N, C-alpha and C. Protein backbone atom coordinates (compact mmCIF):
# COMPACT_ATOMS: atom_id res chain seq x y z
N MET A 1 0.85 -1.18 0.00
CA MET A 1 0.00 0.00 0.00
C MET A 1 0.89 1.24 0.00
N ALA A 2 0.54 2.15 -0.84
CA ALA A 2 1.26 3.41 -0.92
C ALA A 2 0.88 4.28 0.28
N SER A 3 1.68 5.29 0.51
CA SER A 3 1.37 6.18 1.62
C SER A 3 0.11 6.98 1.31
N ILE A 4 -0.50 7.48 2.35
CA ILE A 4 -1.72 8.27 2.20
C ILE A 4 -1.42 9.54 1.40
N LYS A 5 -0.27 10.11 1.67
CA LYS A 5 0.15 11.33 0.96
C LYS A 5 0.24 11.06 -0.53
N ASN A 6 0.86 9.94 -0.91
CA ASN A 6 0.99 9.61 -2.33
C ASN A 6 -0.34 9.26 -2.96
N LEU A 7 -1.23 8.62 -2.21
CA LEU A 7 -2.55 8.30 -2.72
C LEU A 7 -3.33 9.58 -3.01
N LYS A 8 -3.25 10.54 -2.13
CA LYS A 8 -3.92 11.82 -2.35
C LYS A 8 -3.34 12.53 -3.58
N LYS A 9 -2.03 12.46 -3.74
CA LYS A 9 -1.40 13.06 -4.91
C LYS A 9 -1.86 12.37 -6.18
N ASP A 10 -1.94 11.03 -6.14
CA ASP A 10 -2.42 10.28 -7.31
C ASP A 10 -3.83 10.70 -7.69
N ILE A 11 -4.69 10.81 -6.69
CA ILE A 11 -6.08 11.22 -6.95
C ILE A 11 -6.08 12.60 -7.60
N ASN A 12 -5.32 13.51 -7.05
CA ASN A 12 -5.28 14.87 -7.54
C ASN A 12 -4.74 14.94 -8.97
N TYR A 13 -3.62 14.27 -9.22
CA TYR A 13 -2.99 14.33 -10.54
C TYR A 13 -3.82 13.64 -11.61
N VAL A 14 -4.31 12.45 -11.31
CA VAL A 14 -5.08 11.68 -12.31
C VAL A 14 -6.35 12.43 -12.69
N LEU A 15 -7.12 12.83 -11.70
CA LEU A 15 -8.38 13.52 -12.01
C LEU A 15 -8.12 14.92 -12.57
N GLY A 16 -7.07 15.56 -12.13
CA GLY A 16 -6.70 16.86 -12.68
C GLY A 16 -6.34 16.77 -14.16
N ASP A 17 -5.62 15.72 -14.52
CA ASP A 17 -5.26 15.53 -15.94
C ASP A 17 -6.50 15.25 -16.79
N ILE A 18 -7.45 14.51 -16.24
CA ILE A 18 -8.69 14.23 -16.98
C ILE A 18 -9.48 15.52 -17.18
N ILE A 19 -9.57 16.33 -16.15
CA ILE A 19 -10.27 17.62 -16.26
C ILE A 19 -9.57 18.49 -17.31
N GLU A 20 -8.27 18.52 -17.24
CA GLU A 20 -7.50 19.32 -18.20
C GLU A 20 -7.75 18.85 -19.64
N ALA A 21 -7.78 17.54 -19.85
CA ALA A 21 -8.01 17.00 -21.20
C ALA A 21 -9.40 17.39 -21.71
N ALA A 22 -10.39 17.34 -20.83
CA ALA A 22 -11.75 17.71 -21.24
C ALA A 22 -11.83 19.20 -21.59
N ILE A 23 -11.18 20.02 -20.81
CA ILE A 23 -11.20 21.46 -21.06
C ILE A 23 -10.44 21.80 -22.34
N ILE A 24 -9.30 21.14 -22.55
CA ILE A 24 -8.54 21.39 -23.77
C ILE A 24 -9.35 21.01 -25.00
N PHE A 25 -10.05 19.87 -24.93
CA PHE A 25 -10.90 19.47 -26.05
C PHE A 25 -11.98 20.52 -26.29
N GLN A 26 -12.60 20.98 -25.22
CA GLN A 26 -13.67 21.96 -25.32
C GLN A 26 -13.17 23.25 -25.97
N GLU A 27 -11.99 23.69 -25.58
CA GLU A 27 -11.45 24.93 -26.12
C GLU A 27 -10.95 24.77 -27.56
N SER A 28 -10.47 23.58 -27.89
CA SER A 28 -9.95 23.37 -29.24
C SER A 28 -11.03 23.01 -30.25
N HIS A 29 -12.22 22.70 -29.77
CA HIS A 29 -13.36 22.38 -30.64
C HIS A 29 -14.58 23.20 -30.22
N PRO A 30 -14.53 24.50 -30.42
CA PRO A 30 -15.65 25.34 -29.96
C PRO A 30 -16.94 25.07 -30.73
N GLU A 31 -16.83 24.43 -31.90
CA GLU A 31 -18.03 24.15 -32.68
C GLU A 31 -18.85 23.01 -32.07
N ASN A 32 -18.22 22.17 -31.24
CA ASN A 32 -18.93 21.06 -30.60
C ASN A 32 -19.70 21.55 -29.38
N ASP A 33 -20.74 20.81 -29.04
CA ASP A 33 -21.52 21.12 -27.85
C ASP A 33 -20.66 20.83 -26.61
N ALA A 34 -20.62 21.76 -25.69
CA ALA A 34 -19.74 21.65 -24.53
C ALA A 34 -20.38 20.88 -23.38
N LYS A 35 -21.62 20.43 -23.54
CA LYS A 35 -22.31 19.78 -22.42
C LYS A 35 -21.60 18.51 -21.95
N GLU A 36 -21.13 17.69 -22.88
CA GLU A 36 -20.50 16.43 -22.49
C GLU A 36 -19.16 16.67 -21.80
N SER A 37 -18.36 17.59 -22.31
CA SER A 37 -17.07 17.87 -21.66
C SER A 37 -17.29 18.49 -20.28
N GLU A 38 -18.31 19.32 -20.14
CA GLU A 38 -18.63 19.89 -18.83
C GLU A 38 -19.11 18.81 -17.87
N ALA A 39 -19.85 17.83 -18.38
CA ALA A 39 -20.31 16.72 -17.55
C ALA A 39 -19.12 15.88 -17.07
N ILE A 40 -18.13 15.71 -17.93
CA ILE A 40 -16.94 14.96 -17.54
C ILE A 40 -16.20 15.70 -16.43
N VAL A 41 -16.07 17.00 -16.57
CA VAL A 41 -15.41 17.81 -15.53
C VAL A 41 -16.18 17.71 -14.22
N ASP A 42 -17.50 17.82 -14.28
CA ASP A 42 -18.31 17.72 -13.06
C ASP A 42 -18.17 16.35 -12.40
N ASP A 43 -18.16 15.29 -13.21
CA ASP A 43 -18.02 13.94 -12.67
C ASP A 43 -16.63 13.73 -12.07
N ALA A 44 -15.61 14.30 -12.69
CA ALA A 44 -14.25 14.18 -12.15
C ALA A 44 -14.14 14.91 -10.80
N ILE A 45 -14.76 16.05 -10.70
CA ILE A 45 -14.73 16.80 -9.43
C ILE A 45 -15.49 16.04 -8.35
N ALA A 46 -16.64 15.48 -8.70
CA ALA A 46 -17.41 14.70 -7.74
C ALA A 46 -16.63 13.46 -7.29
N THR A 47 -15.95 12.83 -8.23
CA THR A 47 -15.13 11.65 -7.91
C THR A 47 -13.99 12.05 -6.98
N PHE A 48 -13.36 13.18 -7.26
CA PHE A 48 -12.28 13.68 -6.39
C PHE A 48 -12.79 13.87 -4.97
N ASP A 49 -13.91 14.56 -4.83
CA ASP A 49 -14.48 14.81 -3.49
C ASP A 49 -14.79 13.50 -2.77
N GLU A 50 -15.38 12.56 -3.50
CA GLU A 50 -15.76 11.27 -2.92
C GLU A 50 -14.53 10.48 -2.44
N LEU A 51 -13.51 10.42 -3.29
CA LEU A 51 -12.33 9.62 -2.95
C LEU A 51 -11.51 10.26 -1.82
N ILE A 52 -11.38 11.56 -1.83
CA ILE A 52 -10.64 12.24 -0.76
C ILE A 52 -11.37 12.06 0.57
N ALA A 53 -12.70 12.10 0.56
CA ALA A 53 -13.46 11.87 1.79
C ALA A 53 -13.21 10.47 2.31
N LYS A 54 -13.14 9.50 1.41
CA LYS A 54 -12.87 8.12 1.84
C LYS A 54 -11.46 7.97 2.39
N VAL A 55 -10.50 8.64 1.79
CA VAL A 55 -9.13 8.59 2.30
C VAL A 55 -9.05 9.20 3.69
N ASN A 56 -9.76 10.28 3.91
CA ASN A 56 -9.71 10.98 5.19
C ASN A 56 -10.57 10.33 6.27
N ASP A 57 -11.39 9.34 5.91
CA ASP A 57 -12.26 8.67 6.88
C ASP A 57 -11.43 7.75 7.77
N LYS A 58 -11.29 8.11 9.02
CA LYS A 58 -10.48 7.33 9.95
C LYS A 58 -11.33 6.39 10.80
N LYS A 59 -12.62 6.37 10.57
CA LYS A 59 -13.51 5.55 11.39
C LYS A 59 -13.84 4.21 10.74
N VAL A 60 -13.09 3.82 9.73
CA VAL A 60 -13.33 2.53 9.08
C VAL A 60 -12.68 1.43 9.91
N GLU A 61 -13.17 0.20 9.71
CA GLU A 61 -12.64 -0.91 10.49
C GLU A 61 -11.18 -1.19 10.14
N SER A 62 -10.89 -1.29 8.86
CA SER A 62 -9.53 -1.58 8.42
C SER A 62 -9.08 -0.46 7.48
N ARG A 63 -8.19 0.36 7.96
CA ARG A 63 -7.72 1.50 7.16
C ARG A 63 -7.00 1.03 5.90
N LYS A 64 -6.22 -0.03 6.02
CA LYS A 64 -5.46 -0.54 4.88
C LYS A 64 -6.40 -1.02 3.78
N VAL A 65 -7.44 -1.76 4.15
CA VAL A 65 -8.41 -2.26 3.17
C VAL A 65 -9.14 -1.08 2.53
N ASN A 66 -9.51 -0.10 3.32
CA ASN A 66 -10.21 1.08 2.81
C ASN A 66 -9.36 1.82 1.78
N LEU A 67 -8.09 2.01 2.08
CA LEU A 67 -7.21 2.74 1.17
C LEU A 67 -6.96 1.94 -0.11
N THR A 68 -6.89 0.63 0.01
CA THR A 68 -6.74 -0.22 -1.17
C THR A 68 -7.97 -0.11 -2.06
N GLN A 69 -9.14 -0.09 -1.44
CA GLN A 69 -10.39 0.07 -2.20
C GLN A 69 -10.44 1.43 -2.89
N VAL A 70 -9.95 2.46 -2.24
CA VAL A 70 -9.91 3.79 -2.84
C VAL A 70 -9.02 3.77 -4.07
N GLN A 71 -7.88 3.09 -3.98
CA GLN A 71 -6.97 3.00 -5.13
C GLN A 71 -7.66 2.30 -6.30
N VAL A 72 -8.36 1.22 -6.01
CA VAL A 72 -9.08 0.48 -7.06
C VAL A 72 -10.19 1.34 -7.66
N GLN A 73 -10.92 2.05 -6.82
CA GLN A 73 -11.99 2.93 -7.31
C GLN A 73 -11.42 4.04 -8.18
N LEU A 74 -10.27 4.58 -7.80
CA LEU A 74 -9.63 5.63 -8.60
C LEU A 74 -9.32 5.09 -9.99
N GLU A 75 -8.76 3.91 -10.06
CA GLU A 75 -8.42 3.32 -11.35
C GLU A 75 -9.67 3.09 -12.20
N GLU A 76 -10.72 2.56 -11.59
CA GLU A 76 -11.96 2.29 -12.33
C GLU A 76 -12.59 3.58 -12.85
N LYS A 77 -12.70 4.57 -11.99
CA LYS A 77 -13.31 5.84 -12.38
C LYS A 77 -12.47 6.55 -13.44
N ALA A 78 -11.15 6.48 -13.28
CA ALA A 78 -10.26 7.14 -14.24
C ALA A 78 -10.40 6.52 -15.62
N VAL A 79 -10.44 5.20 -15.68
CA VAL A 79 -10.60 4.52 -16.96
C VAL A 79 -11.93 4.91 -17.61
N SER A 80 -12.97 4.97 -16.81
CA SER A 80 -14.28 5.35 -17.32
C SER A 80 -14.27 6.79 -17.85
N LEU A 81 -13.71 7.71 -17.09
CA LEU A 81 -13.67 9.12 -17.50
C LEU A 81 -12.77 9.31 -18.72
N ILE A 82 -11.67 8.60 -18.78
CA ILE A 82 -10.77 8.71 -19.94
C ILE A 82 -11.48 8.19 -21.19
N GLY A 83 -12.25 7.13 -21.04
CA GLY A 83 -13.03 6.62 -22.16
C GLY A 83 -14.01 7.67 -22.68
N ARG A 84 -14.64 8.36 -21.75
CA ARG A 84 -15.58 9.42 -22.14
C ARG A 84 -14.86 10.57 -22.84
N VAL A 85 -13.66 10.92 -22.36
CA VAL A 85 -12.89 12.00 -23.00
C VAL A 85 -12.51 11.56 -24.41
N ASN A 86 -12.10 10.31 -24.57
CA ASN A 86 -11.72 9.82 -25.89
C ASN A 86 -12.90 9.82 -26.86
N LYS A 87 -14.10 9.62 -26.36
CA LYS A 87 -15.29 9.60 -27.23
C LYS A 87 -15.70 11.01 -27.67
N LEU A 88 -15.18 12.03 -27.00
CA LEU A 88 -15.53 13.40 -27.38
C LEU A 88 -15.13 13.69 -28.82
N GLY A 89 -13.99 13.20 -29.23
CA GLY A 89 -13.50 13.48 -30.58
C GLY A 89 -14.08 12.59 -31.64
N ALA A 90 -14.75 11.53 -31.22
CA ALA A 90 -15.29 10.57 -32.21
C ALA A 90 -16.58 11.05 -32.82
């Protein structure tokens, strides 16, 4: 298990990069409807808030298991959001 500090950095960097990609697409394709890219940004922010709250939750039975689950959830959500960003150009 990675440190809590590194897990928080991973969450921040991964979701931040996804938000950045959605915004760059939106700015580079002004002719496209911005609703989907804005939805991706909103979902990434909601995911960030959710995962950081889970990392900061110290009242769980097993902290190690909780943090491992957060890492898995980050990977799953990131793959889903990246797929949505990739579909923007299609």
